[in-house]
């Protein structure tokens, strides 16, 4: 619901007899949090002073200066269908509690700054983004970690490992789930419910389907959206997906690699730049139909790709997905159809308003606002520096590179294979992020330190497979 002003939203709350107001906000790391108000607290003062909260409790600030405030963005109102009482939700902007100035690490603010820098650069009027959401819906999920137990257990009625265990003999083979039809696809009702709930709050969806992973892998895709709409929609889609699954006794997971030997979950981003209403990426130079600016943008993305992955793939689990053999991008190249390429140009998008490319490495452990801001800055850098991706050795390569000799494959630049590799790349290459004061060095350092700590916490724990591997030595 797009409210014109506070009076408009207050009148709606009264007319619709709204019982609760829910304020949602995204922390620096990409998690949603919320606080719920009585409608009696929805007063004009809310838009000036906001609702106070402790930023130190979610890692945004230190304990000694943790006071912050939330101010709802009235353009983001939607009914939350998962509460028993009638609840109107708003996505919030984060401000300093004392001055009410925007908080410089508010992810939505960073994305807005990136878009503002795009406009100031004269390159384009706006960017558009089309995220693809891959996730698994499990019938059962358990996670346990103590000093003497380390395990997870996921189960799916669709999985081939359940063949012969149930009376329903419709299991999908490993890697055999792509566009599976019911009864092999047992998640279609859940996906339709997710899409129905999302469309009721105004989030447009192109389609949904069963993905490659046999044990319940799904995909939902949106059309092209503005950067803030894409970020807000990403947070809503993840939330609605989990909540609809929870409502029917299932568990949804966006983990990049929840299952060994099965397809991983990516969150590819289709990208366009728009100027004067026209698609700036449409051109007729070659069979890709990409303009010179599109190619320069690709040059910037691939030049900075190792550093970008620290934002777009910021978990240790991200790099369990980015391995050969699972249609996952492992090569720093662009291609018209090669799904192992970091950038793929869809061959079916041939009309002027459709032409685009997709950056394939990202996954849903990223903070979408920060990831898109970083990708946009990398692309602008490529346009400003006129980085020709072909001259830089990034392709296009439309061959099956896995049929090449190891020596020939070694000529292609690879993406980072671990979180530490990506963080080291970000340490060495971050000047492009400082353009337009979108990011700052303190912000980048904090990100690197936090992610290094996460990697250390994972690395010092015994792994179940290594226990099995070496237990009897």
Protein backbone atom coordinates (compact mmCIF):
# COMPACT_ATOMS: atom_id res chain seq x y z
CA UNK A 1 0.00 0.00 0.00
CA UNK A 2 1.42 3.33 -1.07
CA UNK A 3 0.32 5.99 1.39
CA UNK A 4 0.62 9.64 0.34
CA UNK A 5 1.40 10.88 3.83
CA UNK A 6 0.86 10.14 7.51
CA UNK A 7 -2.77 11.32 7.48
CA UNK A 8 -3.54 8.95 4.62
CA UNK A 9 -2.03 5.98 6.47
CA UNK A 10 -3.67 6.91 9.79
CA UNK A 11 -7.08 7.13 8.12
CA UNK A 12 -6.56 3.72 6.55
CA UNK A 13 -5.62 2.19 9.91
CA UNK A 14 -8.79 3.60 11.46
CA UNK A 15 -11.08 2.61 8.58
CA UNK A 16 -9.71 -0.93 8.34
CA UNK A 17 -9.69 -1.35 12.13
CA UNK A 18 -6.05 -2.39 12.13
CA UNK A 19 -5.18 -3.99 15.47
CA UNK A 20 -1.36 -3.94 15.34
CA UNK A 21 1.39 -2.00 13.55
CA UNK A 22 4.54 -4.02 12.81
CA UNK A 23 7.81 -2.23 12.06
CA UNK A 24 10.38 -4.33 10.20
CA UNK A 25 14.00 -3.36 9.55
CA UNK A 26 17.13 -4.93 8.07
CA UNK A 27 20.38 -5.09 10.00
CA UNK A 28 23.81 -4.67 8.37
CA UNK A 29 24.19 -8.43 7.90
CA UNK A 30 20.90 -8.96 6.04
CA UNK A 31 18.52 -10.19 8.77
CA UNK A 32 15.07 -8.76 9.37
CA UNK A 33 13.99 -7.72 12.86
CA UNK A 34 10.69 -6.27 14.03
CA UNK A 35 8.90 -4.42 16.80
CA UNK A 36 5.10 -4.26 17.11
CA UNK A 37 3.07 -1.20 18.16
CA UNK A 38 -0.48 -0.61 19.24
CA UNK A 39 -2.35 1.59 16.73
CA UNK A 40 -2.66 4.18 19.52
CA UNK A 41 1.11 4.72 19.16
CA UNK A 42 0.81 5.47 15.44
CA UNK A 43 0.88 9.26 15.82
CA UNK A 44 2.51 12.11 13.83
CA UNK A 45 5.36 12.07 16.35
CA UNK A 46 6.30 8.59 15.09
CA UNK A 47 7.41 10.11 11.78
CA UNK A 48 9.65 12.60 13.57
CA UNK A 49 11.04 10.75 16.59
CA UNK A 50 10.58 7.16 15.47
CA UNK A 51 10.63 4.13 17.75
CA UNK A 52 13.80 3.67 19.76
CA UNK A 53 15.75 0.42 19.82
CA UNK A 54 19.12 -0.90 20.94
CA UNK A 55 21.42 -1.09 17.93
CA UNK A 56 24.14 -2.81 19.97
CA UNK A 57 21.93 -5.88 20.44
CA UNK A 58 21.98 -6.63 16.71
CA UNK A 59 25.58 -5.60 16.00
CA UNK A 60 24.90 -2.18 14.50
CA UNK A 61 26.63 -0.16 17.23
CA UNK A 62 28.69 -0.46 20.39
CA UNK A 63 27.00 -0.89 23.77
CA UNK A 64 28.09 2.57 24.95
CA UNK A 65 26.27 4.34 22.11
CA UNK A 66 23.64 1.87 20.96
CA UNK A 67 20.49 4.04 20.92
CA UNK A 68 18.87 4.21 17.49
CA UNK A 69 15.36 4.76 16.10
CA UNK A 70 13.08 3.38 13.40
CA UNK A 71 10.97 5.57 11.14
CA UNK A 72 8.49 3.73 8.91
CA UNK A 73 8.65 4.22 5.17
CA UNK A 74 4.96 4.87 4.41
CA UNK A 75 5.46 3.68 0.82
CA UNK A 76 6.05 0.12 2.05
CA UNK A 77 2.86 -0.68 3.96
CA UNK A 78 1.44 -4.19 3.62
CA UNK A 79 -0.84 -6.56 5.51
CA UNK A 80 1.12 -9.26 7.31
CA UNK A 81 -1.04 -12.37 6.79
CA UNK A 82 0.77 -14.47 9.37
CA UNK A 83 -0.55 -12.74 12.50
CA UNK A 84 -3.88 -13.64 14.10
CA UNK A 85 -4.71 -10.00 14.70
CA UNK A 86 -5.10 -7.64 11.74
CA UNK A 87 -1.55 -6.29 11.32
CA UNK A 88 -0.21 -3.58 9.03
CA UNK A 89 3.56 -3.79 8.43
CA UNK A 90 6.01 -1.12 7.35
CA UNK A 91 9.65 -1.47 6.35
CA UNK A 92 11.66 1.14 8.25
CA UNK A 93 14.58 3.47 7.78
CA UNK A 94 17.13 3.53 10.60
CA UNK A 95 18.16 6.89 12.12
CA UNK A 96 20.36 8.11 14.94
CA UNK A 97 18.28 8.38 18.12
CA UNK A 98 19.54 11.84 19.12
CA UNK A 99 19.87 13.73 15.83
CA UNK A 100 17.39 11.72 13.72
CA UNK A 101 19.99 11.79 10.95
CA UNK A 102 20.03 8.71 8.69
CA UNK A 103 22.26 5.94 10.06
CA UNK A 104 25.14 5.49 7.62
CA UNK A 105 25.04 1.68 7.88
CA UNK A 106 21.33 1.35 7.20
CA UNK A 107 21.37 -1.05 4.20
CA UNK A 108 18.43 0.69 2.52
CA UNK A 109 20.28 4.01 2.76
CA UNK A 110 23.39 2.49 1.17
CA UNK A 111 21.33 1.20 -1.76
CA UNK A 112 19.72 4.64 -2.15
CA UNK A 113 23.17 6.26 -2.14
CA UNK A 114 24.33 3.90 -4.89
CA UNK A 115 21.32 4.83 -7.03
CA UNK A 116 21.91 8.52 -6.32
CA UNK A 117 25.54 8.13 -7.45
CA UNK A 118 24.34 6.46 -10.66
CA UNK A 119 22.13 9.47 -11.38
CA UNK A 120 24.92 11.94 -10.53
CA UNK A 121 27.35 10.10 -12.79
CA UNK A 122 25.14 10.82 -15.80
CA UNK A 123 25.35 7.17 -16.86
CA UNK A 124 21.67 6.37 -16.32
CA UNK A 125 18.51 7.47 -14.50
CA UNK A 126 17.94 4.22 -12.64
CA UNK A 127 19.01 0.62 -12.30
CA UNK A 128 16.65 -2.35 -12.50
CA UNK A 129 17.12 -5.73 -10.88
CA UNK A 130 15.46 -9.10 -11.31
CA UNK A 131 16.45 -11.53 -8.54
CA UNK A 132 15.82 -15.26 -8.85
CA UNK A 133 15.09 -17.04 -5.58
CA UNK A 134 16.12 -20.67 -5.21
CA UNK A 135 15.31 -22.54 -2.01
CA UNK A 136 14.49 -25.98 -0.67
CA UNK A 137 11.25 -26.91 1.05
CA UNK A 138 11.90 -29.75 3.47
CA UNK A 139 9.33 -31.86 5.26
CA UNK A 140 11.65 -32.12 8.24
CA UNK A 141 14.73 -30.23 9.41
CA UNK A 142 16.90 -30.63 12.51
CA UNK A 143 20.07 -28.75 13.46
CA UNK A 144 22.14 -29.51 16.56
CA UNK A 145 25.54 -28.25 17.70
CA UNK A 146 26.98 -28.90 21.16
CA UNK A 147 30.43 -29.93 22.35
CA UNK A 148 29.64 -33.61 21.73
CA UNK A 149 27.09 -33.43 18.88
CA UNK A 150 27.38 -31.78 15.49
CA UNK A 151 24.69 -32.69 13.03
CA UNK A 152 21.91 -31.60 10.72
CA UNK A 153 19.15 -33.70 9.26
CA UNK A 154 16.95 -32.67 6.34
CA UNK A 155 14.26 -34.87 4.85
CA UNK A 156 11.93 -34.56 1.88
CA UNK A 157 9.16 -36.87 0.73
CA UNK A 158 10.26 -36.05 -2.82
CA UNK A 159 13.81 -37.32 -2.28
CA UNK A 160 15.11 -40.41 -4.04
CA UNK A 161 16.47 -41.65 -0.70
CA UNK A 162 12.82 -42.17 0.34
CA UNK A 163 12.02 -44.43 -2.60
CA UNK A 164 10.42 -47.58 -1.17
CA UNK A 165 9.80 -46.01 2.23
CA UNK A 166 6.42 -44.46 1.45
CA UNK A 167 3.27 -45.59 -0.31
CA UNK A 168 3.71 -42.79 -2.85
CA UNK A 169 6.19 -43.97 -5.47
CA UNK A 170 6.90 -40.56 -6.97
CA UNK A 171 10.40 -39.54 -5.94
CA UNK A 172 12.60 -37.26 -8.04
CA UNK A 173 16.04 -38.58 -9.02
CA UNK A 174 19.16 -36.69 -7.95
CA UNK A 175 19.45 -33.58 -10.16
CA UNK A 176 16.13 -34.62 -11.70
CA UNK A 177 13.75 -32.03 -10.32
CA UNK A 178 13.82 -29.36 -13.04
CA UNK A 179 10.23 -28.42 -13.91
CA UNK A 180 9.00 -31.65 -12.32
CA UNK A 181 5.25 -32.04 -12.51
CA UNK A 182 2.98 -33.28 -9.71
CA UNK A 183 2.92 -35.72 -8.05
CA UNK A 184 6.72 -35.64 -8.35
CA UNK A 185 6.51 -31.94 -7.56
CA UNK A 186 4.88 -31.98 -4.13
CA UNK A 187 5.66 -28.35 -3.33
CA UNK A 188 3.52 -26.72 -6.01
CA UNK A 189 0.69 -25.93 -3.59
CA UNK A 190 3.09 -24.30 -1.14
CA UNK A 191 4.74 -22.24 -3.89
CA UNK A 192 1.36 -21.11 -5.20
CA UNK A 193 0.34 -20.06 -1.70
CA UNK A 194 3.60 -18.11 -1.33
CA UNK A 195 3.06 -16.34 -4.66
CA UNK A 196 -0.61 -15.65 -3.86
CA UNK A 197 0.30 -14.02 -0.53
CA UNK A 198 3.07 -11.96 -2.16
CA UNK A 199 0.86 -10.72 -4.96
CA UNK A 200 -1.79 -9.67 -2.43
CA UNK A 201 0.72 -7.18 -0.97
CA UNK A 202 1.75 -5.89 -4.39
CA UNK A 203 4.96 -7.84 -5.08
CA UNK A 204 4.89 -8.93 -8.73
CA UNK A 205 5.98 -12.49 -9.55
CA UNK A 206 6.87 -13.81 -13.02
CA UNK A 207 6.54 -17.50 -12.24
CA UNK A 208 7.42 -20.30 -9.88
CA UNK A 209 8.55 -23.87 -10.56
CA UNK A 210 10.40 -26.89 -9.22
CA UNK A 211 14.15 -26.52 -9.64
CA UNK A 212 16.89 -29.07 -10.42
CA UNK A 213 17.32 -30.35 -6.86
CA UNK A 214 15.17 -33.47 -6.50
CA UNK A 215 14.41 -33.18 -2.75
CA UNK A 216 12.12 -30.15 -2.96
CA UNK A 217 14.16 -27.40 -4.61
CA UNK A 218 12.01 -24.49 -5.81
CA UNK A 219 12.37 -21.20 -7.63
CA UNK A 220 10.39 -17.96 -7.60
CA UNK A 221 11.35 -15.09 -9.89
CA UNK A 222 10.28 -11.45 -10.01
CA UNK A 223 10.23 -9.10 -13.01
CA UNK A 224 12.72 -6.24 -13.16
CA UNK A 225 12.39 -3.84 -10.21
CA UNK A 226 14.07 -0.68 -8.96
CA UNK A 227 16.93 -1.21 -6.51
CA UNK A 228 14.92 -0.42 -3.35
CA UNK A 229 11.86 -2.33 -4.56
CA UNK A 230 14.12 -5.31 -5.35
CA UNK A 231 15.73 -5.14 -1.90
CA UNK A 232 12.39 -4.79 -0.09
CA UNK A 233 10.87 -7.57 -2.21
CA UNK A 234 13.80 -9.86 -1.42
CA UNK A 235 13.28 -9.44 2.30
CA UNK A 236 9.53 -10.01 1.91
CA UNK A 237 9.94 -13.05 -0.34
CA UNK A 238 12.32 -14.76 2.08
CA UNK A 239 10.00 -13.98 5.00
CA UNK A 240 6.80 -15.06 3.23
CA UNK A 241 8.43 -18.24 1.91
CA UNK A 242 9.53 -19.30 5.38
CA UNK A 243 6.22 -18.36 6.97
CA UNK A 244 3.98 -20.10 4.42
CA UNK A 245 6.11 -23.25 4.71
CA UNK A 246 5.96 -22.99 8.51
CA UNK A 247 2.18 -22.58 8.34
CA UNK A 248 1.80 -25.96 6.58
CA UNK A 249 4.33 -27.80 8.74
CA UNK A 250 7.30 -27.59 6.38
CA UNK A 251 10.67 -25.80 6.52
CA UNK A 252 12.07 -23.54 3.79
CA UNK A 253 15.82 -22.98 3.49
CA UNK A 254 17.74 -20.54 1.29
CA UNK A 255 21.10 -22.04 2.31
CA UNK A 256 23.42 -22.01 -0.72
CA UNK A 257 24.35 -25.68 -0.20
CA UNK A 258 22.13 -27.57 2.23
CA UNK A 259 22.63 -30.98 0.56
CA UNK A 260 25.87 -32.62 -0.58
CA UNK A 261 25.61 -33.96 -4.12
CA UNK A 262 22.51 -31.95 -4.98
CA UNK A 263 21.97 -28.59 -6.67
CA UNK A 264 22.71 -25.53 -4.59
CA UNK A 265 20.58 -22.41 -4.11
CA UNK A 266 21.65 -19.27 -5.90
CA UNK A 267 20.08 -15.84 -6.11
CA UNK A 268 21.06 -14.67 -9.59
CA UNK A 269 20.49 -10.99 -10.35
CA UNK A 270 19.31 -9.86 -13.79
CA UNK A 271 20.52 -6.29 -14.33
CA UNK A 272 19.55 -3.34 -16.56
CA UNK A 273 20.26 0.39 -16.61
CA UNK A 274 17.54 2.79 -17.77
CA UNK A 275 17.94 6.28 -19.23
CA UNK A 276 14.99 8.40 -20.38
CA UNK A 277 12.80 5.32 -20.18
CA UNK A 278 15.00 3.30 -22.53
CA UNK A 279 17.03 0.18 -21.80
CA UNK A 280 20.63 1.37 -21.88
CA UNK A 281 21.89 -2.19 -22.27
CA UNK A 282 20.20 -2.82 -25.62
CA UNK A 283 22.47 -2.66 -28.64
CA UNK A 284 23.06 -4.36 -31.96
CA UNK A 285 26.83 -4.78 -32.00
CA UNK A 286 26.77 -8.56 -31.98
CA UNK A 287 24.61 -11.61 -31.33
CA UNK A 288 24.32 -10.79 -27.63
CA UNK A 289 22.37 -7.59 -28.47
CA UNK A 290 24.31 -5.86 -25.69
CA UNK A 291 25.27 -2.19 -25.99
CA UNK A 292 28.74 -0.81 -25.42
CA UNK A 293 27.68 0.40 -21.97
CA UNK A 294 26.38 -3.07 -21.12
CA UNK A 295 29.72 -4.59 -22.08
CA UNK A 296 31.62 -1.99 -20.04
CA UNK A 297 29.32 -2.71 -17.08
CA UNK A 298 30.16 -6.41 -17.48
CA UNK A 299 33.84 -5.48 -17.61
CA UNK A 300 33.50 -3.69 -14.27
CA UNK A 301 31.57 -6.54 -12.67
CA UNK A 302 34.09 -9.17 -13.72
CA UNK A 303 37.12 -7.02 -12.90
CA UNK A 304 35.83 -6.58 -9.35
CA UNK A 305 34.08 -9.97 -9.08
CA UNK A 306 36.51 -11.48 -6.52
CA UNK A 307 35.90 -8.53 -4.18
CA UNK A 308 32.17 -8.44 -4.95
CA UNK A 309 31.76 -12.01 -3.74
CA UNK A 310 32.57 -10.84 -0.20
CA UNK A 311 29.19 -9.03 -0.40
CA UNK A 312 27.19 -11.30 -2.71
CA UNK A 313 28.40 -14.60 -1.22
CA UNK A 314 29.28 -13.73 2.39
CA UNK A 315 28.96 -17.11 4.11
CA UNK A 316 31.26 -20.11 4.38
CA UNK A 317 28.40 -22.19 2.98
CA UNK A 318 28.36 -20.01 -0.16
CA UNK A 319 31.53 -21.67 -1.40
CA UNK A 320 30.14 -25.20 -1.00
CA UNK A 321 27.84 -24.18 -3.88
CA UNK A 322 30.45 -22.53 -6.12
CA UNK A 323 32.06 -25.77 -7.30
CA UNK A 324 32.14 -27.40 -10.76
CA UNK A 325 29.44 -29.81 -11.82
CA UNK A 326 26.26 -28.20 -10.45
CA UNK A 327 25.49 -25.43 -12.98
CA UNK A 328 27.09 -23.07 -10.47
CA UNK A 329 29.27 -20.20 -11.72
CA UNK A 330 32.95 -20.92 -11.16
CA UNK A 331 34.59 -18.93 -13.96
CA UNK A 332 35.11 -15.18 -14.22
CA UNK A 333 33.74 -14.98 -17.77
CA UNK A 334 30.57 -13.99 -19.59
CA UNK A 335 28.67 -16.17 -22.00
CA UNK A 336 25.45 -16.33 -23.96
CA UNK A 337 24.38 -19.61 -22.42
CA UNK A 338 27.12 -21.12 -20.28
CA UNK A 339 25.77 -21.56 -16.74
CA UNK A 340 29.26 -22.03 -15.32
CA UNK A 341 30.01 -18.43 -16.33
CA UNK A 342 29.75 -15.65 -13.76
CA UNK A 343 27.63 -13.66 -16.22
CA UNK A 344 25.09 -15.21 -18.59
CA UNK A 345 23.28 -13.34 -21.34
CA UNK A 346 19.80 -14.90 -21.70
CA UNK A 347 19.34 -15.88 -25.34
CA UNK A 348 15.55 -15.64 -25.04
CA UNK A 349 15.60 -11.91 -24.12
CA UNK A 350 15.74 -10.36 -27.59
CA UNK A 351 13.38 -7.37 -27.49
CA UNK A 352 14.77 -3.94 -26.73
CA UNK A 353 13.13 -3.69 -23.30
CA UNK A 354 14.14 -7.28 -22.37
CA UNK A 355 17.86 -7.34 -23.19
CA UNK A 356 19.92 -7.83 -20.04
CA UNK A 357 22.42 -10.13 -18.39
CA UNK A 358 22.45 -11.98 -15.11
CA UNK A 359 25.20 -12.03 -12.51
CA UNK A 360 25.03 -15.64 -11.32
CA UNK A 361 27.30 -16.01 -8.26
CA UNK A 362 25.11 -14.33 -5.55
CA UNK A 363 23.11 -16.32 -3.04
CA UNK A 364 20.49 -15.45 -0.44
CA UNK A 365 22.94 -15.23 2.48
CA UNK A 366 23.80 -11.78 1.13
CA UNK A 367 22.29 -8.54 2.34
CA UNK A 368 20.42 -7.68 -0.89
CA UNK A 369 20.72 -3.91 -0.46
CA UNK A 370 24.50 -4.06 0.05
CA UNK A 371 25.03 -6.66 -2.66
CA UNK A 372 23.14 -4.63 -5.29
CA UNK A 373 24.88 -1.41 -4.23
CA UNK A 374 28.29 -3.08 -4.61
CA UNK A 375 27.38 -4.60 -8.00
CA UNK A 376 26.08 -1.25 -9.23
CA UNK A 377 29.28 0.55 -8.18
CA UNK A 378 31.42 -2.10 -9.90
CA UNK A 379 29.41 -1.69 -13.11
CA UNK A 380 29.59 2.11 -13.03
CA UNK A 381 33.36 1.81 -12.54
CA UNK A 382 33.51 -0.37 -15.65
CA UNK A 383 31.55 2.19 -17.69
CA UNK A 384 33.63 5.12 -16.47
CA UNK A 385 36.90 3.30 -17.19
CA UNK A 386 35.53 1.75 -20.41
CA UNK A 387 36.64 -1.73 -19.38
CA UNK A 388 36.22 -3.93 -22.44
CA UNK A 389 35.49 -7.43 -21.09
CA UNK A 390 36.83 -9.13 -24.22
CA UNK A 391 40.15 -7.27 -24.12
CA UNK A 392 40.33 -8.00 -20.38
CA UNK A 393 40.08 -11.73 -21.12
CA UNK A 394 36.56 -12.31 -19.83
CA UNK A 395 35.04 -13.71 -23.04
CA UNK A 396 32.47 -14.17 -24.36
CA UNK A 397 33.13 -17.89 -24.03
CA UNK A 398 30.23 -20.01 -25.24
CA UNK A 399 32.00 -23.36 -25.16
CA UNK A 400 31.87 -26.10 -22.54
CA UNK A 401 35.02 -25.14 -20.67
CA UNK A 402 34.99 -28.42 -18.74
CA UNK A 403 35.81 -30.20 -22.01
CA UNK A 404 38.96 -28.11 -22.29
CA UNK A 405 42.38 -29.31 -21.21
CA UNK A 406 43.47 -28.26 -17.71
CA UNK A 407 46.10 -26.02 -19.30
CA UNK A 408 43.49 -24.17 -21.37
CA UNK A 409 41.09 -23.85 -18.44
CA UNK A 410 43.91 -22.33 -16.39
CA UNK A 411 43.90 -19.33 -18.73
CA UNK A 412 40.47 -18.33 -17.36
CA UNK A 413 40.29 -16.27 -14.21
CA UNK A 414 38.46 -18.16 -11.48
CA UNK A 415 36.12 -16.85 -8.82
CA UNK A 416 37.15 -17.14 -5.15
CA UNK A 417 36.78 -20.66 -3.80
CA UNK A 418 36.42 -19.72 -0.13
CA UNK A 419 35.18 -16.88 2.04
CA UNK A 420 38.75 -15.92 3.11
CA UNK A 421 39.73 -15.66 -0.58
CA UNK A 422 36.84 -13.25 -1.21
CA UNK A 423 37.66 -11.20 1.89
CA UNK A 424 41.32 -10.93 0.85
CA UNK A 425 40.15 -9.75 -2.58
CA UNK A 426 37.95 -7.11 -0.93
CA UNK A 427 40.88 -5.90 1.19
CA UNK A 428 42.93 -5.45 -1.99
CA UNK A 429 40.17 -4.00 -4.17
CA UNK A 430 37.66 -1.67 -2.55
CA UNK A 431 38.28 1.80 -3.99
CA UNK A 432 35.36 1.42 -6.40
CA UNK A 433 33.03 1.07 -3.38
CA UNK A 434 34.04 4.48 -2.02
CA UNK A 435 32.73 6.37 -5.06
CA UNK A 436 29.87 8.70 -4.22
CA UNK A 437 30.41 8.08 -0.49
CA UNK A 438 28.20 4.99 -0.78
CA UNK A 439 30.43 2.80 1.38
CA UNK A 440 33.23 3.98 3.66
CA UNK A 441 36.45 2.34 4.79
CA UNK A 442 35.19 1.76 8.34
CA UNK A 443 32.13 -0.02 6.99
CA UNK A 444 34.24 -2.25 4.75
CA UNK A 445 36.66 -3.04 7.58
CA UNK A 446 33.80 -3.96 9.90
CA UNK A 447 32.35 -6.29 7.28
CA UNK A 448 35.69 -8.00 6.73
CA UNK A 449 36.32 -8.40 10.48
CA UNK A 450 32.86 -9.85 11.12
CA UNK A 451 33.12 -12.30 8.25
CA UNK A 452 36.65 -13.34 9.25
CA UNK A 453 35.26 -14.11 12.72
CA UNK A 454 32.46 -16.21 11.19
CA UNK A 455 34.97 -18.13 9.10
CA UNK A 456 37.18 -18.73 12.16
CA UNK A 457 34.21 -20.01 14.19
CA UNK A 458 33.45 -22.54 11.47
CA UNK A 459 37.09 -23.54 10.91
CA UNK A 460 37.84 -24.47 14.54
CA UNK A 461 34.93 -26.87 14.89
CA UNK A 462 35.40 -30.58 14.15
CA UNK A 463 33.48 -31.55 11.03
CA UNK A 464 31.32 -34.70 11.00
CA UNK A 465 32.90 -35.91 7.76
CA UNK A 466 36.45 -35.52 9.05
CA UNK A 467 35.47 -37.45 12.18
CA UNK A 468 34.23 -40.29 9.96
CA UNK A 469 37.28 -40.03 7.74
CA UNK A 470 39.93 -40.23 10.44
CA UNK A 471 38.24 -41.79 13.48
CA UNK A 472 39.97 -45.18 13.20
CA UNK A 473 43.46 -43.95 12.29
